[in-house]
Amino acid sequence: MELRTTRLRLRPWRDDDLASLTAMNAEPEVNTWLGGPGLAERSGDALRLMQARLQQQGWGILRVEDLAGTFLGLAGLQPLRPSLPIAPAIEAVWRFRRAAWGHGYACEAMTALLPAARQCGAPEDIVALIAVPNLRSAKTAERIGFRHDPSLDFLHPALDEHHPLRPHRVFRLR
C-alpha cells in the first residue's frame, strides 16, 4: 500500500526509517501523550511490528512524508491491544513530528488512508482512543469524521489511578 495526496506520500516502512521514527518518538511534545520517553526506546520493535502487519494484512500504519521525502510522521490502522476494555477493535492512529503539527497533515493522511485500507480488507468500524487532556487529537479525530462515543470511554489499565492520561475518550468512525 502506497498513497499520494496533493501534499503527502504515505508508504510502507523500510529498515532505514528507524532513525527518523526514533527521533520523532523522542520529541517530548510527541511522547507526552504516549507514555513518555520510553516511546523512543521501543521504536525498533514498533517499526518491525508495523512492517509485519502491513505485509500480513495489506493495511496498517504507513510512514508519512511530504512530496520532497521529508519525514512528517505516521498514520494508519492497527488492532487494539487485547488488554484494553473495548478490545477487540481496530484503532486509527496518527503521530507527527512537532514541527509538522498544525498543517492538517493528519486529516489529509487519514482521509486518503481510510478508504484505501477498507479496499484492502480493513473493517468499517474503527475507533480512535484519545487521552482526555489531548484536545488537539480529539479535534483532529472529529475533523476526520470520528464522533465521540461516551459509552465506550474508559480508564487506561496500564496507568495508575492518579495518572492524568488514564481517562480515555473513544471516538468511533462507522
N, C-alpha and C. Protein backbone atom coordinates (compact mmCIF):
# COMPACT_ATOMS: atom_id res chain seq x y z
N MET A 1 0.85 -1.17 0.00
CA MET A 1 0.00 0.00 0.00
C MET A 1 0.90 1.24 0.00
N GLU A 2 0.72 2.05 -0.99
CA GLU A 2 1.38 3.36 -1.06
C GLU A 2 0.36 4.35 -1.59
N LEU A 3 0.29 5.51 -0.96
CA LEU A 3 -0.72 6.50 -1.32
C LEU A 3 -0.08 7.86 -1.51
N ARG A 4 -0.71 8.68 -2.35
CA ARG A 4 -0.29 10.07 -2.53
C ARG A 4 -1.51 10.97 -2.42
N THR A 5 -1.28 12.13 -1.83
CA THR A 5 -2.29 13.18 -1.81
C THR A 5 -1.66 14.38 -2.51
N THR A 6 -2.31 15.51 -2.44
CA THR A 6 -1.72 16.69 -3.09
C THR A 6 -0.42 17.12 -2.41
N ARG A 7 -0.27 16.81 -1.11
CA ARG A 7 0.94 17.24 -0.39
C ARG A 7 1.75 16.12 0.22
N LEU A 8 1.19 14.91 0.27
CA LEU A 8 1.80 13.84 1.05
C LEU A 8 2.02 12.56 0.27
N ARG A 9 2.98 11.81 0.74
CA ARG A 9 3.22 10.44 0.28
C ARG A 9 3.16 9.56 1.52
N LEU A 10 2.33 8.52 1.47
CA LEU A 10 2.23 7.54 2.54
C LEU A 10 2.78 6.24 1.98
N ARG A 11 3.76 5.68 2.66
CA ARG A 11 4.41 4.49 2.13
C ARG A 11 4.74 3.51 3.24
N PRO A 12 5.01 2.24 2.87
CA PRO A 12 5.43 1.26 3.88
C PRO A 12 6.78 1.66 4.49
N TRP A 13 7.00 1.18 5.69
CA TRP A 13 8.25 1.44 6.41
C TRP A 13 9.37 0.58 5.88
N ARG A 14 10.57 1.15 5.84
CA ARG A 14 11.80 0.42 5.50
C ARG A 14 12.68 0.39 6.74
N ASP A 15 13.61 -0.52 6.77
CA ASP A 15 14.52 -0.62 7.92
C ASP A 15 15.27 0.69 8.16
N ASP A 16 15.62 1.39 7.08
CA ASP A 16 16.40 2.63 7.24
C ASP A 16 15.55 3.81 7.73
N ASP A 17 14.26 3.58 8.02
CA ASP A 17 13.40 4.61 8.59
C ASP A 17 13.47 4.67 10.12
N LEU A 18 14.22 3.76 10.72
CA LEU A 18 14.25 3.69 12.18
C LEU A 18 14.74 4.98 12.83
N ALA A 19 15.77 5.61 12.28
CA ALA A 19 16.31 6.83 12.91
C ALA A 19 15.27 7.94 12.96
N SER A 20 14.52 8.13 11.88
CA SER A 20 13.52 9.20 11.88
C SER A 20 12.35 8.88 12.81
N LEU A 21 11.95 7.62 12.87
CA LEU A 21 10.88 7.22 13.80
C LEU A 21 11.32 7.43 15.25
N THR A 22 12.54 7.02 15.56
CA THR A 22 13.06 7.18 16.91
C THR A 22 13.16 8.65 17.29
N ALA A 23 13.62 9.48 16.36
CA ALA A 23 13.74 10.92 16.65
C ALA A 23 12.38 11.53 16.94
N MET A 24 11.36 11.18 16.15
CA MET A 24 10.02 11.70 16.41
C MET A 24 9.52 11.23 17.77
N ASN A 25 9.70 9.94 18.06
CA ASN A 25 9.23 9.38 19.33
C ASN A 25 9.97 9.94 20.54
N ALA A 26 11.14 10.53 20.31
CA ALA A 26 11.91 11.13 21.39
C ALA A 26 11.49 12.58 21.67
N GLU A 27 10.73 13.19 20.78
CA GLU A 27 10.30 14.57 20.99
C GLU A 27 9.33 14.63 22.18
N PRO A 28 9.65 15.43 23.20
CA PRO A 28 8.79 15.49 24.39
C PRO A 28 7.33 15.85 24.09
N GLU A 29 7.10 16.76 23.15
CA GLU A 29 5.72 17.15 22.83
C GLU A 29 4.95 15.99 22.20
N VAL A 30 5.66 15.09 21.56
CA VAL A 30 5.04 13.92 20.93
C VAL A 30 4.81 12.82 21.95
N ASN A 31 5.85 12.46 22.71
CA ASN A 31 5.72 11.29 23.59
C ASN A 31 4.97 11.57 24.89
N THR A 32 4.70 12.84 25.18
CA THR A 32 3.90 13.17 26.37
C THR A 32 2.58 12.43 26.35
N TRP A 33 1.97 12.29 25.18
CA TRP A 33 0.65 11.66 25.06
C TRP A 33 0.72 10.15 24.93
N LEU A 34 1.94 9.61 24.83
CA LEU A 34 2.08 8.19 24.50
C LEU A 34 3.03 7.46 25.44
N GLY A 35 3.07 7.88 26.68
CA GLY A 35 3.85 7.13 27.66
C GLY A 35 5.21 7.69 28.00
N GLY A 36 5.59 8.81 27.44
CA GLY A 36 6.84 9.45 27.81
C GLY A 36 8.03 8.98 27.00
N PRO A 37 9.25 9.26 27.50
CA PRO A 37 10.48 9.00 26.76
C PRO A 37 10.70 7.54 26.37
N GLY A 38 10.08 6.61 27.08
CA GLY A 38 10.23 5.20 26.74
C GLY A 38 9.72 4.87 25.34
N LEU A 39 8.89 5.74 24.79
CA LEU A 39 8.37 5.53 23.44
C LEU A 39 9.53 5.42 22.44
N ALA A 40 10.53 6.26 22.57
CA ALA A 40 11.67 6.22 21.65
C ALA A 40 12.44 4.91 21.77
N GLU A 41 12.56 4.40 22.98
CA GLU A 41 13.29 3.15 23.20
C GLU A 41 12.60 1.96 22.53
N ARG A 42 11.31 2.04 22.34
CA ARG A 42 10.54 0.95 21.74
C ARG A 42 10.36 1.11 20.22
N SER A 43 11.03 2.08 19.63
CA SER A 43 10.84 2.38 18.21
C SER A 43 11.23 1.21 17.29
N GLY A 44 12.29 0.50 17.61
CA GLY A 44 12.71 -0.63 16.77
C GLY A 44 11.65 -1.72 16.74
N ASP A 45 11.11 -2.05 17.90
CA ASP A 45 10.04 -3.07 17.96
C ASP A 45 8.81 -2.57 17.22
N ALA A 46 8.48 -1.29 17.38
CA ALA A 46 7.31 -0.73 16.70
C ALA A 46 7.48 -0.78 15.19
N LEU A 47 8.67 -0.45 14.71
CA LEU A 47 8.93 -0.47 13.27
C LEU A 47 8.74 -1.88 12.71
N ARG A 48 9.31 -2.87 13.37
CA ARG A 48 9.18 -4.25 12.90
C ARG A 48 7.72 -4.71 12.92
N LEU A 49 6.97 -4.32 13.95
CA LEU A 49 5.56 -4.70 14.04
C LEU A 49 4.74 -4.04 12.92
N MET A 50 5.00 -2.75 12.65
CA MET A 50 4.28 -2.07 11.57
C MET A 50 4.58 -2.72 10.22
N GLN A 51 5.85 -3.09 10.01
CA GLN A 51 6.22 -3.75 8.76
C GLN A 51 5.51 -5.10 8.62
N ALA A 52 5.52 -5.87 9.69
CA ALA A 52 4.92 -7.21 9.65
C ALA A 52 3.41 -7.14 9.43
N ARG A 53 2.74 -6.24 10.12
CA ARG A 53 1.28 -6.15 9.96
C ARG A 53 0.90 -5.71 8.55
N LEU A 54 1.63 -4.77 8.01
CA LEU A 54 1.34 -4.32 6.66
C LEU A 54 1.53 -5.46 5.66
N GLN A 55 2.58 -6.23 5.86
CA GLN A 55 2.85 -7.37 4.97
C GLN A 55 1.75 -8.43 5.10
N GLN A 56 1.32 -8.72 6.32
CA GLN A 56 0.32 -9.77 6.56
C GLN A 56 -1.08 -9.37 6.15
N GLN A 57 -1.47 -8.14 6.45
CA GLN A 57 -2.86 -7.71 6.28
C GLN A 57 -3.11 -6.95 4.99
N GLY A 58 -2.08 -6.29 4.45
CA GLY A 58 -2.26 -5.43 3.30
C GLY A 58 -2.66 -4.01 3.69
N TRP A 59 -2.87 -3.75 4.97
CA TRP A 59 -3.18 -2.43 5.52
C TRP A 59 -2.51 -2.33 6.88
N GLY A 60 -2.32 -1.11 7.34
CA GLY A 60 -1.65 -0.92 8.63
C GLY A 60 -1.27 0.54 8.82
N ILE A 61 -0.09 0.74 9.39
CA ILE A 61 0.40 2.09 9.68
C ILE A 61 1.51 2.42 8.68
N LEU A 62 1.35 3.55 8.01
CA LEU A 62 2.30 3.97 6.99
C LEU A 62 3.14 5.16 7.44
N ARG A 63 4.29 5.27 6.85
CA ARG A 63 5.15 6.44 7.04
C ARG A 63 4.56 7.58 6.21
N VAL A 64 4.53 8.79 6.76
CA VAL A 64 4.00 9.96 6.06
C VAL A 64 5.15 10.92 5.80
N GLU A 65 5.29 11.30 4.52
CA GLU A 65 6.34 12.25 4.09
C GLU A 65 5.69 13.34 3.26
N ASP A 66 6.37 14.46 3.13
CA ASP A 66 5.92 15.42 2.13
C ASP A 66 6.44 14.91 0.78
N LEU A 67 6.07 15.57 -0.29
CA LEU A 67 6.43 15.08 -1.62
C LEU A 67 7.92 15.18 -1.91
N ALA A 68 8.66 15.96 -1.11
CA ALA A 68 10.12 16.04 -1.25
C ALA A 68 10.81 14.91 -0.48
N GLY A 69 10.03 14.11 0.28
CA GLY A 69 10.60 12.99 1.03
C GLY A 69 10.92 13.29 2.47
N THR A 70 10.57 14.47 2.97
CA THR A 70 10.82 14.83 4.36
C THR A 70 9.85 14.09 5.27
N PHE A 71 10.39 13.40 6.26
CA PHE A 71 9.56 12.64 7.20
C PHE A 71 8.71 13.58 8.03
N LEU A 72 7.40 13.30 8.08
CA LEU A 72 6.48 14.09 8.87
C LEU A 72 5.89 13.31 10.03
N GLY A 73 5.62 12.02 9.83
CA GLY A 73 5.00 11.24 10.90
C GLY A 73 4.48 9.92 10.39
N LEU A 74 3.42 9.44 11.06
CA LEU A 74 2.81 8.17 10.70
C LEU A 74 1.30 8.29 10.78
N ALA A 75 0.62 7.41 10.05
CA ALA A 75 -0.84 7.36 10.08
C ALA A 75 -1.27 5.97 9.63
N GLY A 76 -2.34 5.47 10.25
CA GLY A 76 -2.84 4.18 9.81
C GLY A 76 -3.78 3.53 10.79
N LEU A 77 -3.89 2.22 10.64
CA LEU A 77 -4.80 1.41 11.44
C LEU A 77 -4.02 0.25 12.05
N GLN A 78 -4.46 -0.15 13.25
CA GLN A 78 -3.85 -1.30 13.92
C GLN A 78 -4.87 -1.97 14.82
N PRO A 79 -4.69 -3.27 15.07
CA PRO A 79 -5.56 -3.93 16.04
C PRO A 79 -5.32 -3.34 17.43
N LEU A 80 -6.38 -3.18 18.16
CA LEU A 80 -6.29 -2.66 19.52
C LEU A 80 -5.65 -3.69 20.43
N ARG A 81 -4.86 -3.24 21.39
CA ARG A 81 -4.26 -4.15 22.36
C ARG A 81 -5.37 -4.92 23.09
N PRO A 82 -5.23 -6.23 23.23
CA PRO A 82 -6.27 -7.03 23.87
C PRO A 82 -6.52 -6.65 25.33
N SER A 83 -5.56 -6.00 25.98
CA SER A 83 -5.71 -5.64 27.39
C SER A 83 -6.64 -4.44 27.60
N LEU A 84 -7.02 -3.75 26.53
CA LEU A 84 -7.88 -2.58 26.67
C LEU A 84 -9.35 -3.00 26.76
N PRO A 85 -10.13 -2.30 27.57
CA PRO A 85 -11.51 -2.71 27.84
C PRO A 85 -12.43 -2.78 26.62
N ILE A 86 -12.13 -2.05 25.56
CA ILE A 86 -13.03 -2.08 24.40
C ILE A 86 -12.55 -3.03 23.30
N ALA A 87 -11.47 -3.78 23.56
CA ALA A 87 -10.96 -4.74 22.58
C ALA A 87 -11.96 -5.89 22.46
N PRO A 88 -12.03 -6.53 21.30
CA PRO A 88 -11.24 -6.28 20.10
C PRO A 88 -11.83 -5.14 19.27
N ALA A 89 -10.95 -4.43 18.60
CA ALA A 89 -11.35 -3.35 17.72
C ALA A 89 -10.14 -2.97 16.86
N ILE A 90 -10.41 -2.17 15.85
CA ILE A 90 -9.34 -1.62 15.01
C ILE A 90 -9.23 -0.15 15.36
N GLU A 91 -8.00 0.26 15.62
CA GLU A 91 -7.72 1.63 16.07
C GLU A 91 -7.06 2.45 14.98
N ALA A 92 -7.55 3.66 14.79
CA ALA A 92 -6.90 4.63 13.91
C ALA A 92 -5.83 5.35 14.72
N VAL A 93 -4.65 5.48 14.15
CA VAL A 93 -3.56 6.18 14.83
C VAL A 93 -2.91 7.18 13.89
N TRP A 94 -2.46 8.27 14.47
CA TRP A 94 -1.66 9.25 13.76
C TRP A 94 -0.71 9.87 14.76
N ARG A 95 0.48 10.15 14.30
CA ARG A 95 1.51 10.77 15.15
C ARG A 95 2.44 11.54 14.22
N PHE A 96 2.68 12.79 14.56
CA PHE A 96 3.51 13.63 13.70
C PHE A 96 4.57 14.36 14.51
N ARG A 97 5.69 14.61 13.85
CA ARG A 97 6.75 15.42 14.47
C ARG A 97 6.14 16.75 14.90
N ARG A 98 6.65 17.32 15.95
CA ARG A 98 6.11 18.59 16.46
C ARG A 98 6.12 19.67 15.37
N ALA A 99 7.18 19.70 14.56
CA ALA A 99 7.29 20.70 13.51
C ALA A 99 6.20 20.55 12.44
N ALA A 100 5.55 19.39 12.38
CA ALA A 100 4.50 19.14 11.38
C ALA A 100 3.10 19.39 11.91
N TRP A 101 2.96 19.74 13.18
CA TRP A 101 1.64 19.99 13.75
C TRP A 101 1.03 21.26 13.16
N GLY A 102 -0.28 21.28 13.08
CA GLY A 102 -1.00 22.48 12.68
C GLY A 102 -1.09 22.71 11.18
N HIS A 103 -0.70 21.71 10.38
CA HIS A 103 -0.73 21.86 8.92
C HIS A 103 -1.82 21.01 8.27
N GLY A 104 -2.59 20.28 9.07
CA GLY A 104 -3.64 19.43 8.51
C GLY A 104 -3.16 18.12 7.94
N TYR A 105 -1.91 17.74 8.23
CA TYR A 105 -1.37 16.51 7.66
C TYR A 105 -2.09 15.26 8.16
N ALA A 106 -2.46 15.21 9.43
CA ALA A 106 -3.14 14.02 9.97
C ALA A 106 -4.47 13.81 9.26
N CYS A 107 -5.24 14.87 9.11
CA CYS A 107 -6.54 14.77 8.41
C CYS A 107 -6.34 14.34 6.97
N GLU A 108 -5.39 14.94 6.30
CA GLU A 108 -5.13 14.62 4.89
C GLU A 108 -4.69 13.17 4.74
N ALA A 109 -3.79 12.73 5.61
CA ALA A 109 -3.29 11.35 5.54
C ALA A 109 -4.40 10.35 5.83
N MET A 110 -5.16 10.57 6.90
CA MET A 110 -6.20 9.61 7.27
C MET A 110 -7.35 9.60 6.26
N THR A 111 -7.66 10.74 5.68
CA THR A 111 -8.72 10.80 4.68
C THR A 111 -8.35 9.97 3.45
N ALA A 112 -7.09 9.95 3.09
CA ALA A 112 -6.63 9.12 1.97
C ALA A 112 -6.52 7.66 2.38
N LEU A 113 -6.07 7.42 3.59
CA LEU A 113 -5.78 6.06 4.03
C LEU A 113 -7.01 5.22 4.32
N LEU A 114 -8.02 5.80 4.94
CA LEU A 114 -9.18 5.01 5.37
C LEU A 114 -9.86 4.27 4.22
N PRO A 115 -10.22 4.92 3.12
CA PRO A 115 -10.85 4.16 2.03
C PRO A 115 -9.91 3.14 1.40
N ALA A 116 -8.64 3.47 1.30
CA ALA A 116 -7.67 2.53 0.72
C ALA A 116 -7.53 1.30 1.60
N ALA A 117 -7.50 1.49 2.92
CA ALA A 117 -7.39 0.36 3.85
C ALA A 117 -8.63 -0.53 3.76
N ARG A 118 -9.79 0.09 3.64
CA ARG A 118 -11.03 -0.71 3.51
C ARG A 118 -11.00 -1.55 2.24
N GLN A 119 -10.46 -1.00 1.16
CA GLN A 119 -10.36 -1.76 -0.09
C GLN A 119 -9.41 -2.95 0.07
N CYS A 120 -8.50 -2.85 1.04
CA CYS A 120 -7.55 -3.94 1.30
C CYS A 120 -8.04 -4.88 2.39
N GLY A 121 -9.29 -4.69 2.84
CA GLY A 121 -9.87 -5.62 3.81
C GLY A 121 -9.99 -5.12 5.23
N ALA A 122 -9.61 -3.89 5.51
CA ALA A 122 -9.76 -3.36 6.87
C ALA A 122 -11.24 -3.22 7.20
N PRO A 123 -11.62 -3.42 8.45
CA PRO A 123 -13.03 -3.31 8.84
C PRO A 123 -13.57 -1.89 8.70
N GLU A 124 -14.88 -1.78 8.67
CA GLU A 124 -15.56 -0.49 8.59
C GLU A 124 -15.59 0.23 9.94
N ASP A 125 -15.78 -0.53 11.01
CA ASP A 125 -15.93 0.06 12.34
C ASP A 125 -14.55 0.29 12.95
N ILE A 126 -14.19 1.55 13.11
CA ILE A 126 -12.84 1.92 13.56
C ILE A 126 -12.98 2.90 14.72
N VAL A 127 -12.07 2.77 15.70
CA VAL A 127 -12.08 3.67 16.85
C VAL A 127 -10.78 4.45 16.92
N ALA A 128 -10.84 5.58 17.60
CA ALA A 128 -9.64 6.35 17.94
C ALA A 128 -9.69 6.56 19.45
N LEU A 129 -8.63 6.20 20.13
CA LEU A 129 -8.55 6.32 21.58
C LEU A 129 -7.70 7.54 21.91
N ILE A 130 -8.26 8.47 22.67
CA ILE A 130 -7.56 9.72 22.92
C ILE A 130 -7.66 10.08 24.39
N ALA A 131 -6.49 10.29 25.02
CA ALA A 131 -6.48 10.71 26.42
C ALA A 131 -7.27 12.01 26.55
N VAL A 132 -8.06 12.12 27.61
CA VAL A 132 -8.95 13.27 27.79
C VAL A 132 -8.23 14.61 27.65
N PRO A 133 -7.02 14.79 28.21
CA PRO A 133 -6.37 16.10 28.07
C PRO A 133 -5.86 16.43 26.66
N ASN A 134 -5.82 15.45 25.76
CA ASN A 134 -5.26 15.65 24.42
C ASN A 134 -6.33 16.25 23.50
N LEU A 135 -6.60 17.51 23.68
CA LEU A 135 -7.66 18.19 22.92
C LEU A 135 -7.33 18.32 21.44
N ARG A 136 -6.04 18.48 21.10
CA ARG A 136 -5.66 18.60 19.68
C ARG A 136 -6.04 17.34 18.91
N SER A 137 -5.73 16.17 19.47
CA SER A 137 -6.07 14.92 18.78
C SER A 137 -7.57 14.71 18.71
N ALA A 138 -8.29 15.11 19.75
CA ALA A 138 -9.75 14.98 19.73
C ALA A 138 -10.34 15.82 18.59
N LYS A 139 -9.84 17.03 18.42
CA LYS A 139 -10.33 17.88 17.32
C LYS A 139 -9.96 17.28 15.96
N THR A 140 -8.77 16.71 15.87
CA THR A 140 -8.35 16.06 14.62
C THR A 140 -9.28 14.90 14.31
N ALA A 141 -9.59 14.08 15.31
CA ALA A 141 -10.49 12.94 15.10
C ALA A 141 -11.83 13.42 14.56
N GLU A 142 -12.35 14.47 15.13
CA GLU A 142 -13.64 14.99 14.67
C GLU A 142 -13.56 15.52 13.25
N ARG A 143 -12.46 16.17 12.89
CA ARG A 143 -12.30 16.66 11.52
C ARG A 143 -12.24 15.51 10.52
N ILE A 144 -11.67 14.38 10.94
CA ILE A 144 -11.59 13.21 10.06
C ILE A 144 -12.96 12.56 9.89
N GLY A 145 -13.85 12.76 10.86
CA GLY A 145 -15.19 12.17 10.78
C GLY A 145 -15.54 11.28 11.95
N PHE A 146 -14.65 11.15 12.92
CA PHE A 146 -14.94 10.36 14.12
C PHE A 146 -15.89 11.14 15.02
N ARG A 147 -16.71 10.41 15.77
CA ARG A 147 -17.61 11.02 16.74
C ARG A 147 -17.39 10.36 18.09
N HIS A 148 -17.37 11.19 19.12
CA HIS A 148 -17.17 10.70 20.48
C HIS A 148 -18.32 9.78 20.86
N ASP A 149 -17.99 8.61 21.41
CA ASP A 149 -18.98 7.66 21.91
C ASP A 149 -18.74 7.48 23.41
N PRO A 150 -19.39 8.31 24.24
CA PRO A 150 -19.13 8.27 25.69
C PRO A 150 -19.38 6.91 26.33
N SER A 151 -20.22 6.10 25.72
CA SER A 151 -20.49 4.78 26.30
C SER A 151 -19.27 3.87 26.27
N LEU A 152 -18.27 4.21 25.47
CA LEU A 152 -17.05 3.39 25.37
C LEU A 152 -15.86 3.96 26.11
N ASP A 153 -15.98 5.17 26.67
CA ASP A 153 -14.86 5.78 27.40
C ASP A 153 -14.38 4.85 28.51
N PHE A 154 -13.08 4.92 28.83
CA PHE A 154 -12.53 4.00 29.83
C PHE A 154 -11.31 4.62 30.52
N LEU A 155 -10.90 3.97 31.59
CA LEU A 155 -9.67 4.31 32.30
C LEU A 155 -8.60 3.35 31.82
N HIS A 156 -7.50 3.89 31.32
CA HIS A 156 -6.45 3.05 30.75
C HIS A 156 -5.87 2.15 31.83
N PRO A 157 -5.92 0.82 31.63
CA PRO A 157 -5.49 -0.11 32.67
C PRO A 157 -3.98 -0.12 32.93
N ALA A 158 -3.17 0.40 32.01
CA ALA A 158 -1.72 0.39 32.19
C ALA A 158 -1.23 1.61 32.99
N LEU A 159 -2.13 2.54 33.29
CA LEU A 159 -1.74 3.76 34.00
C LEU A 159 -2.34 3.76 35.41
N ASP A 160 -1.56 4.29 36.38
CA ASP A 160 -2.06 4.27 37.75
C ASP A 160 -3.25 5.23 37.91
N GLU A 161 -3.98 5.06 38.98
CA GLU A 161 -5.26 5.77 39.14
C GLU A 161 -5.14 7.29 39.18
N HIS A 162 -3.96 7.82 39.46
CA HIS A 162 -3.79 9.27 39.53
C HIS A 162 -3.12 9.86 38.28
N HIS A 163 -2.79 9.01 37.33
CA HIS A 163 -2.11 9.48 36.12
C HIS A 163 -3.07 10.35 35.31
N PRO A 164 -2.61 11.55 34.88
CA PRO A 164 -3.51 12.46 34.15
C PRO A 164 -3.99 11.93 32.79
N LEU A 165 -3.28 10.95 32.23
CA LEU A 165 -3.69 10.41 30.93
C LEU A 165 -4.53 9.15 31.06
N ARG A 166 -4.85 8.73 32.27
CA ARG A 166 -5.62 7.50 32.44
C ARG A 166 -7.01 7.56 31.82
N PRO A 167 -7.77 8.65 32.02
CA PRO A 167 -9.10 8.69 31.37
C PRO A 167 -8.96 8.86 29.86
N HIS A 168 -9.60 7.97 29.13
CA HIS A 168 -9.56 7.99 27.67
C HIS A 168 -10.97 8.14 27.09
N ARG A 169 -11.04 8.97 26.05
CA ARG A 169 -12.28 9.09 25.30
C ARG A 169 -12.15 8.22 24.06
N VAL A 170 -13.27 7.63 23.67
CA VAL A 170 -13.30 6.77 22.48
C VAL A 170 -14.14 7.46 21.41
N PHE A 171 -13.52 7.62 20.25
CA PHE A 171 -14.20 8.19 19.09
C PHE A 171 -14.42 7.07 18.09
N ARG A 172 -15.55 7.06 17.46
CA ARG A 172 -15.90 5.96 16.55
C ARG A 172 -16.18 6.50 15.15
N LEU A 173 -15.73 5.74 14.16
CA LEU A 173 -15.99 6.03 12.77
C LEU A 173 -16.67 4.81 12.18
N ARG A 174 -17.85 4.99 11.62
CA ARG A 174 -18.56 3.85 11.03
C ARG A 174 -18.72 4.06 9.54
